[in-house]
N, C-alpha and C. Protein backbone atom coordinates (compact mmCIF):
# COMPACT_ATOMS: atom_id res chain seq x y z
N UNK A 1 -21.06 79.59 -26.30
CA UNK A 1 -20.06 79.67 -25.25
C UNK A 1 -18.65 79.77 -25.83
N UNK A 2 -18.39 78.97 -26.88
CA UNK A 2 -17.07 78.97 -27.50
C UNK A 2 -16.74 80.36 -28.05
N UNK A 3 -17.74 81.05 -28.62
CA UNK A 3 -17.52 82.39 -29.15
C UNK A 3 -17.09 83.37 -28.07
N UNK A 4 -17.70 83.29 -26.89
CA UNK A 4 -17.35 84.17 -25.77
C UNK A 4 -15.93 83.91 -25.29
N UNK A 5 -15.55 82.65 -25.25
CA UNK A 5 -14.19 82.30 -24.83
C UNK A 5 -13.18 82.82 -25.85
N UNK A 6 -13.50 82.68 -27.14
CA UNK A 6 -12.61 83.17 -28.19
C UNK A 6 -12.42 84.68 -28.09
N UNK A 7 -13.51 85.42 -27.88
CA UNK A 7 -13.43 86.88 -27.74
C UNK A 7 -12.60 87.24 -26.52
N UNK A 8 -12.84 86.58 -25.38
CA UNK A 8 -12.08 86.84 -24.16
C UNK A 8 -10.59 86.58 -24.39
N UNK A 9 -10.28 85.45 -25.04
CA UNK A 9 -8.90 85.08 -25.31
C UNK A 9 -8.20 86.13 -26.18
N UNK A 10 -8.86 86.58 -27.25
CA UNK A 10 -8.24 87.55 -28.14
C UNK A 10 -8.11 88.92 -27.48
N UNK A 11 -9.02 89.26 -26.60
CA UNK A 11 -8.88 90.52 -25.85
C UNK A 11 -7.64 90.45 -24.95
N UNK A 12 -7.41 89.32 -24.33
CA UNK A 12 -6.22 89.15 -23.47
C UNK A 12 -4.94 89.26 -24.30
N UNK A 13 -4.93 88.60 -25.47
CA UNK A 13 -3.76 88.67 -26.35
C UNK A 13 -3.54 90.11 -26.80
N UNK A 14 -4.63 90.79 -27.20
CA UNK A 14 -4.51 92.17 -27.67
C UNK A 14 -3.93 93.06 -26.58
N UNK A 15 -4.42 92.93 -25.36
CA UNK A 15 -3.91 93.75 -24.25
C UNK A 15 -2.43 93.50 -24.02
N UNK A 16 -2.03 92.24 -24.09
CA UNK A 16 -0.61 91.89 -23.88
C UNK A 16 0.26 92.45 -25.01
N UNK A 17 -0.21 92.34 -26.26
CA UNK A 17 0.56 92.84 -27.40
C UNK A 17 0.65 94.36 -27.40
N UNK A 18 -0.43 95.03 -27.05
CA UNK A 18 -0.39 96.50 -26.97
C UNK A 18 0.59 96.94 -25.90
N UNK A 19 0.58 96.25 -24.76
CA UNK A 19 1.52 96.58 -23.69
C UNK A 19 2.96 96.37 -24.16
N UNK A 20 3.19 95.29 -24.90
CA UNK A 20 4.54 94.97 -25.37
C UNK A 20 4.99 95.88 -26.51
N UNK A 21 4.11 96.12 -27.49
CA UNK A 21 4.50 96.82 -28.71
C UNK A 21 3.95 98.23 -28.83
N UNK A 22 3.07 98.62 -27.93
CA UNK A 22 2.38 99.90 -28.07
C UNK A 22 3.25 101.14 -27.94
N UNK A 23 4.43 100.98 -27.39
CA UNK A 23 5.30 102.15 -27.22
C UNK A 23 6.48 102.13 -28.18
N UNK A 24 6.38 101.34 -29.24
CA UNK A 24 7.46 101.26 -30.22
C UNK A 24 7.71 102.63 -30.83
N UNK A 25 8.95 102.94 -31.04
CA UNK A 25 9.34 104.21 -31.65
C UNK A 25 9.33 104.07 -33.17
N UNK A 26 8.86 105.09 -33.82
CA UNK A 26 8.80 105.11 -35.28
C UNK A 26 9.70 106.22 -35.78
N UNK A 27 10.47 105.93 -36.82
CA UNK A 27 11.32 106.97 -37.40
C UNK A 27 10.46 108.12 -37.89
N UNK A 28 11.00 109.32 -37.83
CA UNK A 28 10.28 110.48 -38.34
C UNK A 28 10.02 110.30 -39.83
N UNK A 29 8.87 110.79 -40.23
CA UNK A 29 8.52 110.72 -41.64
C UNK A 29 9.39 111.69 -42.42
N UNK A 30 9.72 111.34 -43.62
CA UNK A 30 10.54 112.19 -44.46
C UNK A 30 9.67 113.23 -45.17
N UNK A 31 10.20 114.41 -45.32
CA UNK A 31 9.51 115.43 -46.11
C UNK A 31 9.78 115.14 -47.57
N UNK A 32 8.74 115.15 -48.35
CA UNK A 32 8.91 114.87 -49.77
C UNK A 32 9.30 116.15 -50.49
N UNK A 33 10.28 116.05 -51.33
CA UNK A 33 10.80 117.23 -52.03
C UNK A 33 10.33 117.30 -53.47
N UNK A 34 9.76 116.23 -53.96
CA UNK A 34 9.25 116.22 -55.33
C UNK A 34 7.96 117.03 -55.41
N UNK A 35 7.72 117.66 -56.55
CA UNK A 35 6.41 118.30 -56.73
C UNK A 35 5.33 117.22 -56.84
N UNK A 36 4.11 117.56 -56.44
CA UNK A 36 3.01 116.63 -56.43
C UNK A 36 2.80 115.95 -57.79
N UNK A 37 3.08 116.67 -58.86
CA UNK A 37 2.90 116.12 -60.20
C UNK A 37 3.85 114.97 -60.51
N UNK A 38 4.82 114.75 -59.62
CA UNK A 38 5.77 113.66 -59.81
C UNK A 38 5.60 112.54 -58.80
N UNK A 39 4.66 112.69 -57.89
CA UNK A 39 4.48 111.68 -56.85
C UNK A 39 3.96 110.37 -57.41
N UNK A 40 4.48 109.28 -56.86
CA UNK A 40 3.88 107.96 -57.05
C UNK A 40 3.18 107.64 -55.73
N UNK A 41 1.86 107.46 -55.80
CA UNK A 41 1.03 107.39 -54.60
C UNK A 41 0.44 105.99 -54.40
N UNK A 42 0.51 105.52 -53.16
CA UNK A 42 -0.15 104.28 -52.76
C UNK A 42 -1.16 104.60 -51.67
N UNK A 43 -2.05 103.65 -51.41
CA UNK A 43 -3.09 103.86 -50.40
C UNK A 43 -3.23 102.61 -49.55
N UNK A 44 -3.36 102.83 -48.23
CA UNK A 44 -3.57 101.74 -47.28
C UNK A 44 -4.79 102.07 -46.43
N UNK A 45 -5.67 101.10 -46.28
CA UNK A 45 -6.82 101.29 -45.40
C UNK A 45 -6.95 100.11 -44.44
N UNK A 46 -7.47 100.39 -43.24
CA UNK A 46 -7.82 99.33 -42.29
C UNK A 46 -9.34 99.23 -42.17
N UNK A 47 -10.03 99.62 -43.23
CA UNK A 47 -11.50 99.61 -43.24
C UNK A 47 -12.08 98.27 -43.70
N UNK A 48 -11.24 97.27 -43.93
CA UNK A 48 -11.73 95.96 -44.32
C UNK A 48 -12.02 95.82 -45.81
N UNK A 49 -11.42 96.69 -46.63
CA UNK A 49 -11.66 96.66 -48.08
C UNK A 49 -10.80 95.56 -48.72
N UNK A 50 -11.42 94.83 -49.65
CA UNK A 50 -10.69 93.81 -50.41
C UNK A 50 -11.43 93.53 -51.70
N UNK A 51 -10.77 92.81 -52.60
CA UNK A 51 -11.40 92.41 -53.85
C UNK A 51 -12.52 91.41 -53.58
N UNK A 52 -13.52 91.41 -54.43
CA UNK A 52 -14.64 90.48 -54.28
C UNK A 52 -14.17 89.03 -54.20
N UNK A 53 -13.15 88.68 -54.95
CA UNK A 53 -12.70 87.29 -54.98
C UNK A 53 -11.63 86.97 -53.94
N UNK A 54 -11.26 87.94 -53.09
CA UNK A 54 -10.32 87.69 -52.00
C UNK A 54 -11.01 86.96 -50.85
N UNK A 55 -10.22 86.30 -50.04
CA UNK A 55 -10.72 85.69 -48.81
C UNK A 55 -11.18 86.82 -47.88
N UNK A 56 -12.39 86.75 -47.34
CA UNK A 56 -12.84 87.78 -46.39
C UNK A 56 -11.96 87.80 -45.14
N UNK A 57 -11.93 88.95 -44.48
CA UNK A 57 -11.19 89.07 -43.22
C UNK A 57 -11.89 88.29 -42.12
N UNK A 58 -11.12 87.81 -41.16
CA UNK A 58 -11.68 87.13 -39.98
C UNK A 58 -12.08 88.21 -38.98
N UNK A 59 -13.34 88.61 -39.04
CA UNK A 59 -13.79 89.75 -38.23
C UNK A 59 -13.98 89.37 -36.77
N UNK A 60 -14.20 88.10 -36.47
CA UNK A 60 -14.41 87.71 -35.08
C UNK A 60 -13.09 87.55 -34.34
N UNK A 61 -12.15 86.85 -34.95
CA UNK A 61 -10.88 86.58 -34.28
C UNK A 61 -9.86 87.69 -34.46
N UNK A 62 -10.12 88.61 -35.38
CA UNK A 62 -9.13 89.63 -35.71
C UNK A 62 -8.25 89.10 -36.82
N UNK A 63 -7.80 89.97 -37.69
CA UNK A 63 -7.07 89.52 -38.87
C UNK A 63 -5.93 90.49 -39.17
N UNK A 64 -4.72 90.00 -39.14
CA UNK A 64 -3.54 90.82 -39.41
C UNK A 64 -3.16 90.78 -40.89
N UNK A 65 -3.89 90.02 -41.68
CA UNK A 65 -3.55 89.85 -43.09
C UNK A 65 -3.73 91.12 -43.90
N UNK A 66 -3.08 91.14 -45.03
CA UNK A 66 -3.17 92.27 -45.95
C UNK A 66 -3.66 91.75 -47.29
N UNK A 67 -4.52 92.53 -47.93
CA UNK A 67 -5.02 92.18 -49.26
C UNK A 67 -4.45 93.19 -50.25
N UNK A 68 -3.83 92.69 -51.30
CA UNK A 68 -3.24 93.54 -52.32
C UNK A 68 -4.31 93.86 -53.36
N UNK A 69 -4.52 95.16 -53.59
CA UNK A 69 -5.58 95.62 -54.48
C UNK A 69 -4.94 96.42 -55.61
N UNK A 70 -5.06 95.97 -56.86
CA UNK A 70 -4.51 96.76 -57.97
C UNK A 70 -5.14 98.16 -57.98
N UNK A 71 -4.32 99.17 -58.21
CA UNK A 71 -4.81 100.55 -58.14
C UNK A 71 -5.75 100.91 -59.29
N UNK A 72 -5.84 100.06 -60.31
CA UNK A 72 -6.78 100.34 -61.40
C UNK A 72 -8.12 99.59 -61.23
N UNK A 73 -8.32 99.06 -60.03
CA UNK A 73 -9.55 98.31 -59.74
C UNK A 73 -10.77 99.22 -59.77
N UNK A 74 -11.87 98.69 -60.30
CA UNK A 74 -13.15 99.40 -60.28
C UNK A 74 -13.80 99.20 -58.92
N UNK A 75 -14.54 100.18 -58.44
CA UNK A 75 -15.19 100.05 -57.14
C UNK A 75 -16.18 98.89 -57.10
N UNK A 76 -16.74 98.55 -58.24
CA UNK A 76 -17.69 97.43 -58.29
C UNK A 76 -17.00 96.08 -58.03
N UNK A 77 -15.68 96.05 -58.06
CA UNK A 77 -14.92 94.82 -57.80
C UNK A 77 -14.41 94.76 -56.36
N UNK A 78 -14.87 95.69 -55.52
CA UNK A 78 -14.43 95.75 -54.13
C UNK A 78 -15.58 95.46 -53.18
N UNK A 79 -15.22 94.99 -51.99
CA UNK A 79 -16.21 94.82 -50.93
C UNK A 79 -15.53 95.07 -49.59
N UNK A 80 -16.35 95.12 -48.55
CA UNK A 80 -15.85 95.36 -47.20
C UNK A 80 -16.26 94.21 -46.30
N UNK A 81 -15.28 93.68 -45.59
CA UNK A 81 -15.56 92.69 -44.55
C UNK A 81 -15.03 93.28 -43.24
N UNK A 82 -15.94 93.82 -42.46
CA UNK A 82 -15.57 94.44 -41.18
C UNK A 82 -16.85 94.63 -40.38
N UNK A 83 -16.80 94.32 -39.11
CA UNK A 83 -17.97 94.51 -38.26
C UNK A 83 -17.69 95.40 -37.06
N UNK A 84 -16.52 96.00 -37.01
CA UNK A 84 -16.14 96.80 -35.85
C UNK A 84 -16.35 98.30 -36.08
N UNK A 85 -17.04 98.66 -37.15
CA UNK A 85 -17.51 100.03 -37.37
C UNK A 85 -18.74 99.95 -38.27
N UNK A 86 -19.50 101.03 -38.31
CA UNK A 86 -20.71 101.07 -39.12
C UNK A 86 -20.31 101.22 -40.59
N UNK A 87 -20.49 100.18 -41.37
CA UNK A 87 -20.06 100.18 -42.77
C UNK A 87 -21.17 100.60 -43.74
N UNK A 88 -22.29 101.10 -43.22
CA UNK A 88 -23.43 101.43 -44.08
C UNK A 88 -23.03 102.34 -45.24
N UNK A 89 -22.37 103.45 -44.95
CA UNK A 89 -21.97 104.38 -46.01
C UNK A 89 -20.90 103.77 -46.91
N UNK A 90 -19.96 103.08 -46.32
CA UNK A 90 -18.88 102.47 -47.10
C UNK A 90 -19.40 101.37 -48.01
N UNK A 91 -20.43 100.65 -47.57
CA UNK A 91 -21.02 99.62 -48.43
C UNK A 91 -21.71 100.25 -49.64
N UNK A 92 -22.25 101.46 -49.46
CA UNK A 92 -22.89 102.16 -50.58
C UNK A 92 -21.85 102.74 -51.53
N UNK A 93 -20.78 103.30 -50.96
CA UNK A 93 -19.71 103.89 -51.78
C UNK A 93 -18.38 103.69 -51.06
N UNK A 94 -17.63 102.71 -51.51
CA UNK A 94 -16.37 102.35 -50.87
C UNK A 94 -15.39 103.52 -50.84
N UNK A 95 -15.59 104.51 -51.73
CA UNK A 95 -14.68 105.66 -51.78
C UNK A 95 -14.63 106.46 -50.48
N UNK A 96 -15.65 106.34 -49.64
CA UNK A 96 -15.61 107.12 -48.39
C UNK A 96 -14.56 106.60 -47.42
N UNK A 97 -14.10 105.35 -47.59
CA UNK A 97 -13.01 104.82 -46.76
C UNK A 97 -11.79 104.41 -47.59
N UNK A 98 -12.00 104.30 -48.89
CA UNK A 98 -10.95 103.85 -49.81
C UNK A 98 -11.12 104.63 -51.11
N UNK A 99 -10.63 105.86 -51.15
CA UNK A 99 -10.95 106.78 -52.26
C UNK A 99 -10.23 106.46 -53.57
N UNK A 100 -10.41 105.26 -54.03
CA UNK A 100 -9.71 104.79 -55.22
C UNK A 100 -10.13 105.58 -56.46
N UNK A 101 -11.42 105.89 -56.60
CA UNK A 101 -11.89 106.65 -57.77
C UNK A 101 -11.29 108.05 -57.79
N UNK A 102 -11.24 108.70 -56.65
CA UNK A 102 -10.66 110.04 -56.57
C UNK A 102 -9.18 110.03 -56.91
N UNK A 103 -8.47 109.04 -56.40
CA UNK A 103 -7.04 108.94 -56.70
C UNK A 103 -6.81 108.65 -58.17
N UNK A 104 -7.65 107.80 -58.76
CA UNK A 104 -7.54 107.53 -60.19
C UNK A 104 -7.77 108.81 -61.00
N UNK A 105 -8.74 109.62 -60.59
CA UNK A 105 -9.00 110.89 -61.28
C UNK A 105 -7.83 111.86 -61.12
N UNK A 106 -7.26 111.95 -59.92
CA UNK A 106 -6.11 112.82 -59.71
C UNK A 106 -4.93 112.42 -60.59
N UNK A 107 -4.76 111.13 -60.76
CA UNK A 107 -3.70 110.64 -61.63
C UNK A 107 -4.03 110.92 -63.10
N UNK A 108 -5.26 110.66 -63.50
CA UNK A 108 -5.68 110.90 -64.89
C UNK A 108 -5.52 112.37 -65.27
N UNK A 109 -5.81 113.26 -64.33
CA UNK A 109 -5.72 114.71 -64.59
C UNK A 109 -4.31 115.24 -64.38
N UNK A 110 -3.38 114.36 -64.06
CA UNK A 110 -1.97 114.71 -63.86
C UNK A 110 -1.76 115.68 -62.68
N UNK A 111 -2.67 115.64 -61.71
CA UNK A 111 -2.50 116.43 -60.48
C UNK A 111 -1.45 115.75 -59.60
N UNK A 112 -1.49 114.42 -59.60
CA UNK A 112 -0.41 113.64 -59.00
C UNK A 112 0.26 112.87 -60.14
N UNK A 113 1.49 112.47 -59.92
CA UNK A 113 2.25 111.81 -60.98
C UNK A 113 1.60 110.53 -61.46
N UNK A 114 1.49 109.57 -60.57
CA UNK A 114 0.90 108.28 -60.94
C UNK A 114 0.52 107.52 -59.68
N UNK A 115 -0.28 106.50 -59.88
CA UNK A 115 -0.63 105.61 -58.78
C UNK A 115 0.33 104.44 -58.78
N UNK A 116 0.72 104.03 -57.58
CA UNK A 116 1.50 102.80 -57.47
C UNK A 116 0.62 101.66 -57.98
N UNK A 117 1.19 100.61 -58.51
CA UNK A 117 0.37 99.51 -59.01
C UNK A 117 -0.49 98.85 -57.93
N UNK A 118 -0.05 98.94 -56.67
CA UNK A 118 -0.73 98.21 -55.60
C UNK A 118 -1.22 99.15 -54.50
N UNK A 119 -2.48 98.93 -54.10
CA UNK A 119 -3.05 99.53 -52.90
C UNK A 119 -3.24 98.39 -51.90
N UNK A 120 -3.55 98.72 -50.63
CA UNK A 120 -3.57 97.71 -49.58
C UNK A 120 -4.83 97.82 -48.73
N UNK A 121 -5.46 96.67 -48.53
CA UNK A 121 -6.62 96.60 -47.65
C UNK A 121 -6.31 95.74 -46.45
N UNK A 122 -6.70 96.24 -45.29
CA UNK A 122 -6.52 95.50 -44.05
C UNK A 122 -7.77 95.70 -43.19
N UNK A 123 -7.85 94.95 -42.13
CA UNK A 123 -8.92 95.13 -41.17
C UNK A 123 -8.32 95.76 -39.92
N UNK A 124 -9.01 96.69 -39.32
CA UNK A 124 -8.47 97.41 -38.18
C UNK A 124 -8.46 96.64 -36.87
N UNK A 125 -9.25 95.59 -36.76
CA UNK A 125 -9.26 94.80 -35.53
C UNK A 125 -8.16 93.75 -35.63
N UNK A 126 -7.00 94.07 -35.01
CA UNK A 126 -5.83 93.20 -35.13
C UNK A 126 -5.26 92.95 -33.73
N UNK A 127 -5.82 91.98 -33.00
CA UNK A 127 -5.30 91.72 -31.66
C UNK A 127 -3.89 91.14 -31.66
N UNK A 128 -3.48 90.50 -32.75
CA UNK A 128 -2.13 89.93 -32.83
C UNK A 128 -1.17 90.97 -33.42
N UNK A 129 -0.81 91.94 -32.60
CA UNK A 129 0.09 93.01 -33.04
C UNK A 129 1.43 92.44 -33.47
N UNK A 130 1.86 91.36 -32.83
CA UNK A 130 3.13 90.74 -33.23
C UNK A 130 3.08 90.27 -34.68
N UNK A 131 1.96 89.67 -35.09
CA UNK A 131 1.81 89.21 -36.47
C UNK A 131 1.76 90.40 -37.43
N UNK A 132 1.10 91.47 -37.01
CA UNK A 132 1.04 92.69 -37.82
C UNK A 132 2.46 93.23 -38.05
N UNK A 133 3.22 93.36 -36.97
CA UNK A 133 4.57 93.93 -37.06
C UNK A 133 5.56 93.01 -37.78
N UNK A 134 5.43 91.71 -37.58
CA UNK A 134 6.42 90.79 -38.12
C UNK A 134 6.04 90.16 -39.46
N UNK A 135 4.78 90.22 -39.85
CA UNK A 135 4.36 89.61 -41.10
C UNK A 135 3.77 90.62 -42.08
N UNK A 136 2.71 91.30 -41.68
CA UNK A 136 1.99 92.18 -42.62
C UNK A 136 2.78 93.42 -42.99
N UNK A 137 3.28 94.12 -42.01
CA UNK A 137 4.01 95.37 -42.29
C UNK A 137 5.23 95.13 -43.17
N UNK A 138 6.06 94.11 -42.89
CA UNK A 138 7.20 93.87 -43.79
C UNK A 138 6.78 93.59 -45.23
N UNK A 139 5.67 92.86 -45.43
CA UNK A 139 5.19 92.60 -46.79
C UNK A 139 4.82 93.91 -47.49
N UNK A 140 4.12 94.77 -46.75
CA UNK A 140 3.71 96.06 -47.33
C UNK A 140 4.93 96.91 -47.64
N UNK A 141 5.85 97.02 -46.70
CA UNK A 141 7.05 97.84 -46.91
C UNK A 141 7.88 97.34 -48.09
N UNK A 142 8.00 96.03 -48.20
CA UNK A 142 8.75 95.45 -49.33
C UNK A 142 8.11 95.85 -50.66
N UNK A 143 6.80 95.76 -50.74
CA UNK A 143 6.09 96.09 -51.98
C UNK A 143 6.18 97.59 -52.27
N UNK A 144 6.05 98.42 -51.24
CA UNK A 144 6.17 99.88 -51.43
C UNK A 144 7.55 100.24 -51.98
N UNK A 145 8.57 99.62 -51.43
CA UNK A 145 9.94 99.88 -51.91
C UNK A 145 10.13 99.37 -53.33
N UNK A 146 9.63 98.17 -53.58
CA UNK A 146 9.74 97.57 -54.92
C UNK A 146 9.07 98.46 -55.97
N UNK A 147 7.94 99.05 -55.61
CA UNK A 147 7.20 99.89 -56.55
C UNK A 147 7.65 101.36 -56.52
N UNK A 148 8.67 101.65 -55.70
CA UNK A 148 9.26 102.99 -55.61
C UNK A 148 8.21 104.07 -55.34
N UNK A 149 7.43 103.83 -54.29
CA UNK A 149 6.36 104.75 -53.90
C UNK A 149 6.93 105.94 -53.16
N UNK A 150 6.42 107.13 -53.50
CA UNK A 150 6.85 108.38 -52.84
C UNK A 150 5.95 108.75 -51.67
N UNK A 151 4.65 108.55 -51.84
CA UNK A 151 3.67 108.99 -50.84
C UNK A 151 2.69 107.85 -50.56
N UNK A 152 2.44 107.60 -49.27
CA UNK A 152 1.45 106.61 -48.87
C UNK A 152 0.37 107.34 -48.08
N UNK A 153 -0.85 107.21 -48.54
CA UNK A 153 -2.00 107.78 -47.85
C UNK A 153 -2.67 106.67 -47.04
N UNK A 154 -3.16 107.04 -45.85
CA UNK A 154 -3.74 106.06 -44.94
C UNK A 154 -5.16 106.44 -44.56
N UNK A 155 -6.00 105.42 -44.38
CA UNK A 155 -7.37 105.65 -43.94
C UNK A 155 -7.75 104.57 -42.94
N UNK A 156 -8.23 104.97 -41.76
CA UNK A 156 -8.70 103.96 -40.81
C UNK A 156 -10.10 103.47 -41.15
N UNK A 157 -10.51 102.40 -40.52
CA UNK A 157 -11.87 101.89 -40.68
C UNK A 157 -12.80 102.47 -39.67
């Protein structure tokens, strides 16, 4: 019974937050003028990807937290905590939602300039949009600026 009440409560919060924040305006994205061979690239996913030793995401209550993943991480050191999409393929090969191996190869072959030191894992079920906007996003933006990232690639869960 407690689980049903928790789900109902978070659905109500999510609906209220979407109504409040769902129409926020976003600045236009900038066109990058650097050639691809000079790009510093970061990656963000909401597919529930995190390091094996990270705290798993709260899949029942929703989780606005962000997990910092070094861009030189091996896929064997990653896992997925998410129940709001079919993770069967992603559990077999995390690259289908978090293409870290492909990005590492693009960097090694000098097709892109370099990888930012940090990639980001999040869970897509985030009923607390206020926490996402006021806590998680500022942390990510601060790190992206600190690492002087040119291009951010995104993947949903």
